[in-house]
Amino acid sequence: MIYVTRKEHFNAAHRLFNPSWSEEKNQEVFGPCANNNWHGHNFELIVTVKGIPDADTGFVIDLKVLGDIVKKRIIDKVDHKNLNLDVDFMAGKMASCEIFVYEIWKILEPAIAEAAPHARLHYIKLVETPKNFVEYYGE
């Protein structure tokens, strides 16, 4: 099995806030991440695809194709946006990195399978800060 990876960067704002809780409870649980005026990050999105290289091309997936999928389906929708307000696939959802990476997976997994039938999405890593990141393997 061969693993190929594409890395993208984007900037986005969000707010961690549970509308069924009081302002005080949100502040207690989420701290500064519950700021009424949002807060932002310089995110890094790392997408790894696995498979056996195609006999004709030698590719698991053409990295240009993978880059185009990630850019069109994710980056163009989230870059310089508010995840809570501007991103269709995050509407009505908690804008935590855990939920965000799961929603990204649901978009990329079928698109990658369609573009490269012999390849599968293996792993997504979403880096929020140099100290904080989440990983998802589709499990």
Protein backbone atom coordinates (compact mmCIF):
# COMPACT_ATOMS: atom_id res chain seq x y z
CA MET A 1 0.00 0.00 0.00
CA ILE A 2 1.29 3.45 -0.96
CA TYR A 3 0.22 6.62 0.85
CA VAL A 4 0.25 10.03 -0.86
CA THR A 5 -0.42 13.29 0.91
CA ARG A 6 -1.54 16.78 -0.02
CA LYS A 7 -1.24 19.75 2.34
CA GLU A 8 -3.32 22.93 2.05
CA HIS A 9 -3.58 26.08 4.15
CA PHE A 10 -6.54 28.33 4.85
CA ASN A 11 -7.67 31.00 7.28
CA ALA A 12 -11.04 30.89 9.00
CA ALA A 13 -12.91 32.21 12.01
CA HIS A 14 -15.28 30.35 14.29
CA ARG A 15 -16.92 30.40 17.68
CA LEU A 16 -17.42 27.48 20.01
CA PHE A 17 -20.84 28.01 21.52
CA ASN A 18 -23.70 25.76 22.57
CA PRO A 19 -26.94 27.73 22.09
CA SER A 20 -28.76 25.63 24.70
CA TRP A 21 -26.33 26.80 27.39
CA SER A 22 -26.10 30.13 29.15
CA GLU A 23 -23.41 32.63 28.19
CA GLU A 24 -21.72 31.86 31.50
CA LYS A 25 -21.62 28.11 30.88
CA ASN A 26 -20.27 28.65 27.35
CA GLN A 27 -17.53 30.87 28.75
CA GLU A 28 -16.77 28.30 31.46
CA VAL A 29 -16.50 25.38 29.00
CA PHE A 30 -15.05 27.08 25.91
CA GLY A 31 -13.21 30.05 27.43
CA PRO A 32 -11.93 32.58 24.88
CA CYS A 33 -13.11 30.30 22.05
CA ALA A 34 -16.67 31.38 22.94
CA ASN A 35 -15.87 35.02 22.15
CA ASN A 36 -19.01 36.77 20.84
CA ASN A 37 -16.92 38.36 18.09
CA TRP A 38 -15.35 35.09 16.93
CA HIS A 39 -11.69 34.12 16.76
CA GLY A 40 -9.56 32.87 13.90
CA HIS A 41 -6.87 30.40 12.95
CA ASN A 42 -4.37 29.75 10.19
CA PHE A 43 -5.40 26.16 9.53
CA GLU A 44 -3.44 23.43 7.81
CA LEU A 45 -5.35 20.57 6.17
CA ILE A 46 -3.41 17.39 5.42
CA VAL A 47 -5.14 14.77 3.27
CA THR A 48 -3.65 11.30 2.78
CA VAL A 49 -4.88 8.84 0.16
CA LYS A 50 -3.87 5.18 -0.01
CA GLY A 51 -3.81 2.65 -2.80
CA ILE A 52 -1.79 0.64 -5.26
CA PRO A 53 -0.22 2.69 -8.05
CA ASP A 54 -2.01 2.50 -11.37
CA ALA A 55 -0.07 0.37 -13.90
CA ASP A 56 -0.40 2.99 -16.65
CA THR A 57 0.38 6.18 -14.70
CA GLY A 58 2.30 4.98 -11.66
CA PHE A 59 -0.04 7.13 -9.52
CA VAL A 60 -2.17 6.17 -6.55
CA ILE A 61 -3.95 9.42 -7.40
CA ASP A 62 -2.74 12.26 -9.55
CA LEU A 63 -1.71 14.85 -6.94
CA LYS A 64 -2.97 17.65 -9.20
CA VAL A 65 -6.38 15.97 -9.21
CA LEU A 66 -6.27 15.52 -5.43
CA GLY A 67 -5.27 19.17 -4.99
CA ASP A 68 -8.11 20.30 -7.25
CA ILE A 69 -10.64 18.21 -5.28
CA VAL A 70 -9.48 19.58 -1.93
CA LYS A 71 -9.37 23.15 -3.23
CA LYS A 72 -12.76 23.11 -4.95
CA ARG A 73 -14.70 21.11 -2.36
CA ILE A 74 -13.15 22.46 0.84
CA ILE A 75 -10.63 25.31 0.63
CA ASP A 76 -12.70 27.54 -1.66
CA LYS A 77 -15.64 27.16 0.76
CA VAL A 78 -13.77 27.82 4.01
CA ASP A 79 -10.84 30.14 3.28
CA HIS A 80 -11.33 33.57 4.86
CA LYS A 81 -14.80 32.55 6.00
CA ASN A 82 -16.64 32.24 9.29
CA LEU A 83 -17.23 28.51 9.82
CA ASN A 84 -20.37 29.17 11.87
CA LEU A 85 -21.99 31.57 9.42
CA ASP A 86 -20.55 31.18 5.92
CA VAL A 87 -19.84 27.48 5.36
CA ASP A 88 -22.80 25.48 4.07
CA PHE A 89 -21.60 22.08 5.29
CA MET A 90 -21.12 23.43 8.84
CA ALA A 91 -24.59 25.02 9.12
CA GLY A 92 -26.21 24.15 12.43
CA LYS A 93 -23.18 22.22 13.68
CA MET A 94 -20.72 22.90 16.47
CA ALA A 95 -17.67 24.43 14.80
CA SER A 96 -15.14 22.36 16.76
CA CYS A 97 -12.20 20.89 14.88
CA GLU A 98 -13.55 17.41 15.63
CA ILE A 99 -16.85 18.08 13.90
CA PHE A 100 -15.15 20.10 11.15
CA VAL A 101 -12.73 17.30 10.18
CA TYR A 102 -15.61 14.78 10.17
CA GLU A 103 -17.64 16.98 7.81
CA ILE A 104 -14.60 17.43 5.55
CA TRP A 105 -14.20 13.64 5.39
CA LYS A 106 -17.83 13.19 4.30
CA ILE A 107 -17.17 15.50 1.34
CA LEU A 108 -13.73 14.26 0.28
CA GLU A 109 -14.19 10.50 0.65
CA PRO A 110 -16.69 10.01 -2.21
CA ALA A 111 -15.00 12.61 -4.43
CA ILE A 112 -11.63 10.86 -4.14
CA ALA A 113 -13.18 7.42 -4.75
CA GLU A 114 -14.81 8.76 -7.91
CA ALA A 115 -11.63 10.43 -9.19
CA ALA A 116 -9.35 7.46 -8.50
CA PRO A 117 -11.33 4.21 -8.20
CA HIS A 118 -8.27 2.24 -7.05
CA ALA A 119 -7.52 4.74 -4.22
CA ARG A 120 -9.22 5.49 -0.92
CA LEU A 121 -9.10 8.38 1.51
CA HIS A 122 -6.96 7.15 4.41
CA TYR A 123 -6.52 10.05 6.81
CA ILE A 124 -7.19 13.72 7.40
CA LYS A 125 -5.25 15.90 9.81
CA LEU A 126 -6.58 19.35 10.61
CA VAL A 127 -4.08 21.60 12.37
CA GLU A 128 -5.68 24.51 14.22
CA THR A 129 -2.56 25.80 15.99
CA PRO A 130 1.03 24.53 16.27
CA LYS A 131 -0.07 22.82 19.50
CA ASN A 132 -3.59 21.64 18.59
CA PHE A 133 -4.71 19.31 15.81
CA VAL A 134 -7.20 16.55 15.13
CA GLU A 135 -6.83 13.40 13.05
CA TYR A 136 -9.56 11.31 11.45
CA TYR A 137 -9.32 7.94 9.72
CA GLY A 138 -12.99 7.51 8.80
CA GLU A 139 -13.71 5.18 11.71
